[in-house]
N, C-alpha and C. Protein backbone atom coordinates (compact mmCIF):
# COMPACT_ATOMS: atom_id res chain seq x y z
N UNK A 1 0.82 -1.16 0.00
CA UNK A 1 0.00 0.00 0.00
C UNK A 1 0.88 1.24 0.00
N UNK A 2 0.53 2.18 -0.78
CA UNK A 2 1.29 3.40 -0.94
C UNK A 2 0.84 4.43 0.09
N UNK A 3 1.81 5.10 0.75
CA UNK A 3 1.44 6.13 1.74
C UNK A 3 1.24 7.46 1.04
N UNK A 4 0.26 8.21 1.47
CA UNK A 4 0.01 9.50 0.83
C UNK A 4 1.13 10.49 1.14
N UNK A 5 1.35 11.40 0.20
CA UNK A 5 2.38 12.42 0.35
C UNK A 5 1.96 13.40 1.42
N UNK A 6 2.91 13.77 2.30
CA UNK A 6 2.60 14.69 3.38
C UNK A 6 3.34 16.01 3.13
N UNK A 7 2.67 17.09 3.45
CA UNK A 7 3.21 18.44 3.31
C UNK A 7 4.27 18.66 4.40
N UNK A 8 5.53 18.89 4.05
CA UNK A 8 6.56 19.06 5.07
C UNK A 8 6.28 20.30 5.92
N UNK A 9 6.50 20.17 7.21
CA UNK A 9 6.22 21.26 8.14
C UNK A 9 7.11 22.48 7.92
N UNK A 10 8.32 22.28 7.46
CA UNK A 10 9.26 23.39 7.30
C UNK A 10 9.01 24.21 6.03
N UNK A 11 8.22 23.70 5.09
CA UNK A 11 8.00 24.39 3.83
C UNK A 11 7.38 25.78 4.00
N UNK A 12 6.35 25.97 4.82
CA UNK A 12 5.82 27.34 4.98
C UNK A 12 6.86 28.30 5.56
N UNK A 13 7.66 27.83 6.49
CA UNK A 13 8.70 28.67 7.08
C UNK A 13 9.74 29.03 6.03
N UNK A 14 10.17 28.08 5.25
CA UNK A 14 11.14 28.31 4.19
C UNK A 14 10.60 29.29 3.15
N UNK A 15 9.34 29.14 2.78
CA UNK A 15 8.71 30.03 1.80
C UNK A 15 8.64 31.45 2.34
N UNK A 16 8.23 31.61 3.59
CA UNK A 16 8.13 32.92 4.22
C UNK A 16 9.51 33.60 4.28
N UNK A 17 10.53 32.85 4.66
CA UNK A 17 11.89 33.38 4.76
C UNK A 17 12.40 33.81 3.39
N UNK A 18 12.19 33.00 2.37
CA UNK A 18 12.64 33.32 1.02
C UNK A 18 11.97 34.59 0.51
N UNK A 19 10.67 34.74 0.76
CA UNK A 19 9.95 35.93 0.32
C UNK A 19 10.49 37.17 1.02
N UNK A 20 10.79 37.05 2.30
CA UNK A 20 11.36 38.17 3.05
C UNK A 20 12.72 38.58 2.52
N UNK A 21 13.54 37.60 2.20
CA UNK A 21 14.87 37.91 1.66
C UNK A 21 14.76 38.57 0.30
N UNK A 22 13.85 38.12 -0.54
CA UNK A 22 13.68 38.72 -1.85
C UNK A 22 13.23 40.16 -1.73
N UNK A 23 12.36 40.45 -0.80
CA UNK A 23 11.88 41.81 -0.61
C UNK A 23 13.00 42.70 -0.09
N UNK A 24 13.81 42.18 0.83
CA UNK A 24 14.91 42.96 1.41
C UNK A 24 16.01 43.22 0.40
N UNK A 25 16.19 42.33 -0.54
CA UNK A 25 17.26 42.47 -1.51
C UNK A 25 16.77 43.08 -2.81
N UNK A 26 15.64 43.72 -2.78
CA UNK A 26 15.02 44.26 -3.98
C UNK A 26 15.85 45.33 -4.66
N UNK A 27 15.19 46.24 -5.37
CA UNK A 27 15.85 47.26 -6.17
C UNK A 27 16.71 48.19 -5.35
N UNK A 28 17.46 49.03 -6.05
CA UNK A 28 18.38 49.95 -5.39
C UNK A 28 17.79 51.35 -5.30
N UNK A 29 16.49 51.45 -5.14
CA UNK A 29 15.88 52.76 -5.06
C UNK A 29 15.44 53.05 -3.64
N UNK A 30 15.53 54.32 -3.28
CA UNK A 30 15.00 54.78 -2.02
C UNK A 30 13.97 55.85 -2.34
N UNK A 31 13.23 56.25 -1.35
CA UNK A 31 12.20 57.24 -1.58
C UNK A 31 12.49 58.47 -0.75
N UNK A 32 12.43 59.64 -1.38
CA UNK A 32 12.61 60.89 -0.67
C UNK A 32 11.32 61.23 0.06
N UNK A 33 11.37 62.26 0.88
CA UNK A 33 10.20 62.65 1.65
C UNK A 33 9.05 63.10 0.76
N UNK A 34 9.33 63.51 -0.47
CA UNK A 34 8.25 63.91 -1.37
C UNK A 34 7.71 62.72 -2.17
N UNK A 35 8.09 61.50 -1.76
CA UNK A 35 7.64 60.25 -2.36
C UNK A 35 8.09 60.03 -3.80
N UNK A 36 9.06 60.80 -4.28
CA UNK A 36 9.59 60.53 -5.62
C UNK A 36 10.77 59.60 -5.49
N UNK A 37 10.85 58.55 -6.34
CA UNK A 37 11.95 57.59 -6.23
C UNK A 37 13.28 58.22 -6.63
N UNK A 38 14.32 57.81 -5.92
CA UNK A 38 15.66 58.30 -6.20
C UNK A 38 16.58 57.10 -6.27
N UNK A 39 17.36 57.01 -7.30
CA UNK A 39 18.33 55.92 -7.43
C UNK A 39 19.40 56.14 -6.37
N UNK A 40 19.62 55.16 -5.50
CA UNK A 40 20.57 55.32 -4.40
C UNK A 40 21.99 55.50 -4.91
N UNK A 41 22.32 54.98 -6.11
CA UNK A 41 23.65 55.19 -6.66
C UNK A 41 23.86 56.66 -7.01
N UNK A 42 22.84 57.32 -7.53
CA UNK A 42 22.94 58.74 -7.85
C UNK A 42 23.09 59.53 -6.56
N UNK A 43 22.32 59.17 -5.55
CA UNK A 43 22.37 59.88 -4.28
C UNK A 43 23.76 59.71 -3.65
N UNK A 44 24.31 58.51 -3.64
CA UNK A 44 25.63 58.27 -3.08
C UNK A 44 26.71 59.01 -3.86
N UNK A 45 26.49 59.22 -5.15
CA UNK A 45 27.50 59.86 -5.99
C UNK A 45 27.76 61.30 -5.59
N UNK A 46 26.89 61.91 -4.82
CA UNK A 46 27.08 63.30 -4.42
C UNK A 46 27.52 63.44 -2.96
N UNK A 47 27.81 62.34 -2.29
CA UNK A 47 28.20 62.36 -0.88
C UNK A 47 29.73 62.39 -0.74
N UNK A 48 30.19 63.32 0.10
CA UNK A 48 31.61 63.42 0.44
C UNK A 48 31.72 63.40 1.96
N UNK A 49 32.72 62.73 2.49
CA UNK A 49 32.96 62.71 3.93
C UNK A 49 33.97 63.78 4.29
N UNK A 50 33.63 64.59 5.28
CA UNK A 50 34.55 65.57 5.83
C UNK A 50 35.19 64.92 7.05
N UNK A 51 36.52 64.94 7.10
CA UNK A 51 37.22 64.21 8.15
C UNK A 51 38.18 65.15 8.88
N UNK A 52 38.11 65.11 10.20
CA UNK A 52 39.09 65.80 11.04
C UNK A 52 39.33 64.90 12.25
N UNK A 53 40.57 64.45 12.41
CA UNK A 53 40.90 63.53 13.50
C UNK A 53 40.08 62.27 13.38
N UNK A 54 39.37 61.93 14.45
CA UNK A 54 38.53 60.72 14.44
C UNK A 54 37.08 61.03 14.08
N UNK A 55 36.79 62.30 13.79
CA UNK A 55 35.42 62.69 13.43
C UNK A 55 35.23 62.70 11.92
N UNK A 56 34.06 62.28 11.51
CA UNK A 56 33.73 62.26 10.09
C UNK A 56 32.25 62.66 9.93
N UNK A 57 32.00 63.53 8.96
CA UNK A 57 30.64 64.00 8.70
C UNK A 57 30.36 63.86 7.21
N UNK A 58 29.33 63.08 6.83
CA UNK A 58 28.97 63.00 5.41
C UNK A 58 28.15 64.22 5.01
N UNK A 59 28.43 64.77 3.84
CA UNK A 59 27.64 65.88 3.32
C UNK A 59 27.22 65.55 1.89
N UNK A 60 26.02 65.98 1.55
CA UNK A 60 25.49 65.78 0.20
C UNK A 60 25.73 67.07 -0.58
N UNK A 61 26.60 67.02 -1.56
CA UNK A 61 26.98 68.21 -2.31
C UNK A 61 25.82 68.85 -3.06
N UNK A 62 24.81 68.06 -3.38
CA UNK A 62 23.68 68.61 -4.14
C UNK A 62 22.78 69.48 -3.27
N UNK A 63 23.01 69.53 -1.97
CA UNK A 63 22.19 70.36 -1.09
C UNK A 63 22.73 71.79 -0.97
N UNK A 64 23.91 72.05 -1.52
CA UNK A 64 24.52 73.37 -1.42
C UNK A 64 24.17 74.22 -2.64
N UNK A 65 24.05 75.53 -2.44
CA UNK A 65 23.87 76.40 -3.61
C UNK A 65 25.14 76.40 -4.46
N UNK A 66 24.98 76.46 -5.76
CA UNK A 66 26.13 76.46 -6.65
C UNK A 66 26.40 77.88 -7.14
N UNK A 67 27.60 78.04 -7.66
CA UNK A 67 27.95 79.28 -8.34
C UNK A 67 28.61 78.90 -9.66
N UNK A 68 28.68 79.84 -10.55
CA UNK A 68 29.26 79.59 -11.86
C UNK A 68 30.76 79.82 -11.84
N UNK A 69 31.51 78.84 -12.31
CA UNK A 69 32.95 79.00 -12.50
C UNK A 69 33.26 78.49 -13.91
N UNK A 70 33.56 79.42 -14.80
CA UNK A 70 33.87 79.09 -16.19
C UNK A 70 32.75 78.27 -16.86
N UNK A 71 31.51 78.65 -16.58
CA UNK A 71 30.38 77.98 -17.20
C UNK A 71 29.97 76.67 -16.56
N UNK A 72 30.53 76.35 -15.40
CA UNK A 72 30.22 75.10 -14.72
C UNK A 72 29.67 75.42 -13.32
N UNK A 73 28.64 74.70 -12.91
CA UNK A 73 28.08 74.87 -11.57
C UNK A 73 28.98 74.18 -10.56
N UNK A 74 29.51 74.96 -9.62
CA UNK A 74 30.44 74.44 -8.61
C UNK A 74 30.00 74.88 -7.22
N UNK A 75 30.54 74.21 -6.22
CA UNK A 75 30.33 74.59 -4.83
C UNK A 75 31.70 74.94 -4.25
N UNK A 76 31.83 76.10 -3.61
CA UNK A 76 33.13 76.45 -3.00
C UNK A 76 33.51 75.43 -1.91
N UNK A 77 34.78 75.05 -1.90
CA UNK A 77 35.24 74.08 -0.91
C UNK A 77 35.10 74.61 0.52
N UNK A 78 35.22 75.92 0.71
CA UNK A 78 35.06 76.49 2.05
C UNK A 78 33.63 76.32 2.54
N UNK A 79 32.66 76.40 1.64
CA UNK A 79 31.26 76.18 2.01
C UNK A 79 31.05 74.74 2.45
N UNK A 80 31.63 73.81 1.71
CA UNK A 80 31.49 72.39 2.03
C UNK A 80 32.13 72.11 3.38
N UNK A 81 33.37 72.57 3.59
CA UNK A 81 34.06 72.30 4.85
C UNK A 81 33.29 72.91 6.03
N UNK A 82 32.82 74.11 5.89
CA UNK A 82 32.09 74.78 6.98
C UNK A 82 30.84 74.03 7.38
N UNK A 83 30.20 73.36 6.44
CA UNK A 83 28.97 72.63 6.72
C UNK A 83 29.19 71.51 7.73
N UNK A 84 30.38 70.97 7.80
CA UNK A 84 30.67 69.87 8.73
C UNK A 84 30.86 70.32 10.15
N UNK A 85 31.14 71.61 10.36
CA UNK A 85 31.36 72.18 11.69
C UNK A 85 32.35 71.37 12.52
N UNK A 86 33.42 70.90 11.87
CA UNK A 86 34.42 70.10 12.57
C UNK A 86 35.48 70.96 13.24
N UNK A 87 36.05 71.89 12.50
CA UNK A 87 37.05 72.82 13.01
C UNK A 87 37.20 73.93 11.98
N UNK A 88 37.50 75.12 12.43
CA UNK A 88 37.66 76.26 11.54
C UNK A 88 38.76 75.98 10.51
N UNK A 89 38.46 76.24 9.27
CA UNK A 89 39.40 75.96 8.17
C UNK A 89 40.70 76.74 8.30
N UNK A 90 40.66 77.92 8.89
CA UNK A 90 41.87 78.75 8.98
C UNK A 90 42.95 78.12 9.84
N UNK A 91 42.59 77.17 10.69
CA UNK A 91 43.56 76.50 11.55
C UNK A 91 44.04 75.17 10.98
N UNK A 92 43.71 74.91 9.72
CA UNK A 92 43.99 73.60 9.14
C UNK A 92 44.68 73.69 7.79
N UNK A 93 45.20 72.55 7.38
CA UNK A 93 45.63 72.32 6.00
C UNK A 93 44.82 71.12 5.53
N UNK A 94 44.77 70.90 4.21
CA UNK A 94 43.82 69.93 3.68
C UNK A 94 44.44 68.95 2.71
N UNK A 95 43.90 67.74 2.78
CA UNK A 95 44.23 66.69 1.83
C UNK A 95 42.89 66.15 1.31
N UNK A 96 42.96 65.44 0.22
CA UNK A 96 41.76 64.90 -0.41
C UNK A 96 42.02 63.44 -0.73
N UNK A 97 40.96 62.67 -0.76
CA UNK A 97 41.08 61.26 -1.12
C UNK A 97 39.99 60.92 -2.12
N UNK A 98 40.39 60.30 -3.22
CA UNK A 98 39.44 59.85 -4.23
C UNK A 98 38.83 58.51 -3.85
N UNK A 99 37.78 58.13 -4.57
CA UNK A 99 37.16 56.82 -4.36
C UNK A 99 38.17 55.68 -4.47
N UNK A 100 39.17 55.87 -5.31
CA UNK A 100 40.18 54.83 -5.54
C UNK A 100 41.33 54.89 -4.54
N UNK A 101 41.24 55.79 -3.54
CA UNK A 101 42.30 55.91 -2.54
C UNK A 101 43.40 56.90 -2.90
N UNK A 102 43.29 57.54 -4.07
CA UNK A 102 44.31 58.49 -4.51
C UNK A 102 44.31 59.75 -3.62
N UNK A 103 45.50 60.15 -3.21
CA UNK A 103 45.74 61.41 -2.51
C UNK A 103 46.68 62.24 -3.39
N UNK A 104 46.41 63.52 -3.59
CA UNK A 104 47.32 64.33 -4.40
C UNK A 104 48.75 64.30 -3.87
N UNK A 105 48.89 64.26 -2.55
CA UNK A 105 50.23 64.29 -1.95
C UNK A 105 51.03 63.00 -2.22
N UNK A 106 50.39 61.99 -2.80
CA UNK A 106 51.13 60.78 -3.17
C UNK A 106 51.87 60.96 -4.50
N UNK A 107 51.59 62.06 -5.18
CA UNK A 107 52.25 62.36 -6.45
C UNK A 107 53.46 63.25 -6.20
N UNK A 108 54.56 63.02 -6.90
CA UNK A 108 55.76 63.85 -6.68
C UNK A 108 55.55 65.32 -7.07
N UNK A 109 54.54 65.63 -7.89
CA UNK A 109 54.27 67.01 -8.29
C UNK A 109 53.33 67.74 -7.34
N UNK A 110 52.76 67.04 -6.37
CA UNK A 110 51.77 67.64 -5.46
C UNK A 110 52.08 67.24 -4.02
N UNK A 111 53.26 67.55 -3.55
CA UNK A 111 53.68 67.08 -2.23
C UNK A 111 53.18 67.93 -1.07
N UNK A 112 52.65 69.11 -1.35
CA UNK A 112 52.18 69.99 -0.27
C UNK A 112 50.68 69.84 -0.04
N UNK A 113 50.29 69.98 1.22
CA UNK A 113 48.87 70.03 1.52
C UNK A 113 48.31 71.38 1.09
N UNK A 114 47.01 71.46 0.97
CA UNK A 114 46.32 72.69 0.59
C UNK A 114 46.14 73.55 1.83
N UNK A 115 46.50 74.83 1.73
CA UNK A 115 46.30 75.75 2.85
C UNK A 115 44.85 76.23 2.86
N UNK A 116 44.45 76.84 3.96
CA UNK A 116 43.08 77.36 4.02
C UNK A 116 42.88 78.48 3.01
N UNK A 117 43.92 79.26 2.74
CA UNK A 117 43.83 80.32 1.72
C UNK A 117 43.61 79.71 0.34
N UNK A 118 44.33 78.66 0.04
CA UNK A 118 44.16 77.97 -1.24
C UNK A 118 42.79 77.30 -1.32
N UNK A 119 42.32 76.76 -0.19
CA UNK A 119 41.01 76.12 -0.16
C UNK A 119 39.92 77.10 -0.58
N UNK A 120 40.09 78.37 -0.22
CA UNK A 120 39.09 79.38 -0.58
C UNK A 120 39.07 79.67 -2.08
N UNK A 121 40.03 79.12 -2.80
CA UNK A 121 40.09 79.30 -4.26
C UNK A 121 39.82 77.97 -4.98
N UNK A 122 39.20 77.05 -4.26
CA UNK A 122 38.90 75.74 -4.82
C UNK A 122 37.41 75.46 -4.80
N UNK A 123 37.00 74.59 -5.71
CA UNK A 123 35.59 74.27 -5.89
C UNK A 123 35.45 72.77 -6.13
N UNK A 124 34.22 72.30 -5.94
CA UNK A 124 33.93 70.91 -6.24
C UNK A 124 32.66 70.86 -7.07
N UNK A 125 32.66 70.01 -8.08
CA UNK A 125 31.47 69.81 -8.90
C UNK A 125 30.55 68.85 -8.16
N UNK A 126 29.34 69.26 -7.84
CA UNK A 126 28.48 68.43 -6.99
C UNK A 126 28.07 67.10 -7.60
N UNK A 127 27.98 67.01 -8.91
CA UNK A 127 27.52 65.76 -9.53
C UNK A 127 28.65 64.77 -9.78
N UNK A 128 29.87 65.24 -9.94
CA UNK A 128 30.99 64.33 -10.22
C UNK A 128 32.01 64.27 -9.09
N UNK A 129 31.89 65.18 -8.12
CA UNK A 129 32.83 65.28 -7.00
C UNK A 129 34.26 65.53 -7.47
N UNK A 130 34.41 66.27 -8.56
CA UNK A 130 35.74 66.61 -9.07
C UNK A 130 36.16 67.98 -8.56
N UNK A 131 37.44 68.10 -8.20
CA UNK A 131 37.96 69.37 -7.71
C UNK A 131 38.38 70.26 -8.87
N UNK A 132 38.13 71.55 -8.71
CA UNK A 132 38.51 72.57 -9.68
C UNK A 132 39.19 73.67 -8.88
N UNK A 133 40.33 74.15 -9.38
CA UNK A 133 41.08 75.19 -8.68
C UNK A 133 41.19 76.43 -9.55
N UNK A 134 41.19 77.57 -8.90
CA UNK A 134 41.37 78.83 -9.61
C UNK A 134 42.70 78.77 -10.37
N UNK A 135 42.68 79.22 -11.61
CA UNK A 135 43.87 79.17 -12.46
C UNK A 135 45.06 79.92 -11.86
N UNK A 136 44.79 80.97 -11.07
CA UNK A 136 45.88 81.77 -10.51
C UNK A 136 46.77 80.96 -9.56
N UNK A 137 46.27 79.83 -9.06
CA UNK A 137 47.08 78.98 -8.18
C UNK A 137 48.15 78.22 -8.95
N UNK A 138 47.91 77.98 -10.24
CA UNK A 138 48.89 77.27 -11.06
C UNK A 138 49.13 75.83 -10.62
N UNK A 139 48.12 75.21 -10.04
CA UNK A 139 48.27 73.85 -9.55
C UNK A 139 48.45 72.85 -10.69
N UNK A 140 49.34 71.87 -10.49
CA UNK A 140 49.42 70.77 -11.46
C UNK A 140 48.16 69.90 -11.38
N UNK A 141 47.96 69.09 -12.38
CA UNK A 141 46.75 68.27 -12.50
C UNK A 141 46.49 67.32 -11.34
N UNK A 142 47.53 66.91 -10.62
CA UNK A 142 47.33 65.95 -9.53
C UNK A 142 46.49 66.52 -8.39
N UNK A 143 46.35 67.83 -8.31
CA UNK A 143 45.47 68.42 -7.29
C UNK A 143 44.00 68.42 -7.72
N UNK A 144 43.73 68.15 -8.97
CA UNK A 144 42.35 68.12 -9.48
C UNK A 144 41.79 66.71 -9.36
N UNK A 145 41.57 66.29 -8.12
CA UNK A 145 41.11 64.94 -7.82
C UNK A 145 39.70 64.74 -8.36
N UNK A 146 39.48 63.60 -8.98
CA UNK A 146 38.15 63.20 -9.45
C UNK A 146 37.53 62.25 -8.44
N UNK A 147 36.19 62.24 -8.38
CA UNK A 147 35.48 61.33 -7.48
C UNK A 147 35.98 61.43 -6.05
N UNK A 148 36.01 62.65 -5.52
CA UNK A 148 36.48 62.87 -4.16
C UNK A 148 35.57 62.13 -3.19
N UNK A 149 36.16 61.32 -2.34
CA UNK A 149 35.41 60.60 -1.30
C UNK A 149 35.55 61.30 0.04
N UNK A 150 36.74 61.91 0.28
CA UNK A 150 37.01 62.55 1.57
C UNK A 150 37.73 63.87 1.39
N UNK A 151 37.33 64.83 2.20
CA UNK A 151 38.08 66.07 2.37
C UNK A 151 38.60 65.99 3.80
N UNK A 152 39.92 65.99 3.93
CA UNK A 152 40.55 65.72 5.22
C UNK A 152 41.21 66.99 5.75
N UNK A 153 40.77 67.43 6.91
CA UNK A 153 41.39 68.56 7.58
C UNK A 153 42.47 68.07 8.51
N UNK A 154 43.66 68.68 8.39
CA UNK A 154 44.83 68.30 9.20
C UNK A 154 45.33 69.50 9.96
N UNK A 155 45.75 69.29 11.20
CA UNK A 155 46.33 70.39 11.97
C UNK A 155 47.58 70.91 11.27
N UNK A 156 47.81 72.21 11.37
CA UNK A 156 49.00 72.81 10.77
C UNK A 156 50.24 72.24 11.44
N UNK A 157 51.27 72.03 10.65
CA UNK A 157 52.52 71.47 11.20
C UNK A 157 53.40 72.55 11.73
C-alpha cells in the first residue's frame, strides 16, 4: 500500500523566509520625503565625507547652492568644509582622497597640503565630485582629484 504524500512542516517557514529575503534584496531605489523615487547610486554619488581627527561627517553636495565657474556649476570648498562644523578651516591644511584611494600628496608634483587660503580658491562639482582650482594657483593636475570621497582637515605642522 502506498502512503500519501505529506506536506513538510518546514516548507511554509522556508517560503516565508525566502519571500522576506527577496523583498529585502530588492531594487536599489529609495524614496525621498516627497515620495519621488531616487536611485541610491545617484544619491551616493554626491556624498563626500569631511574628516578631522577621528570625526567624520557625510555631506550631500547637491544640497549646497552652486555658483558659476567658467560655465560650470560648482560649490566652494570652504562652504562644504564649513557645513561639517568640525574645526575652523583657517587653523587647518587639507588633503583629499578619491574613491580609488588616490591622494594628491602621493604624487611627486603635489607634495604639499592645501592651505586654508588655497582652499578658498577651490571648488567641487556636486555631480561628479571633481575638484577645480582657480587658475591663478597654477596647480598641477594631480590636485584636481576626481570622485572625491574625503576632504581631510589636518592640523598645521
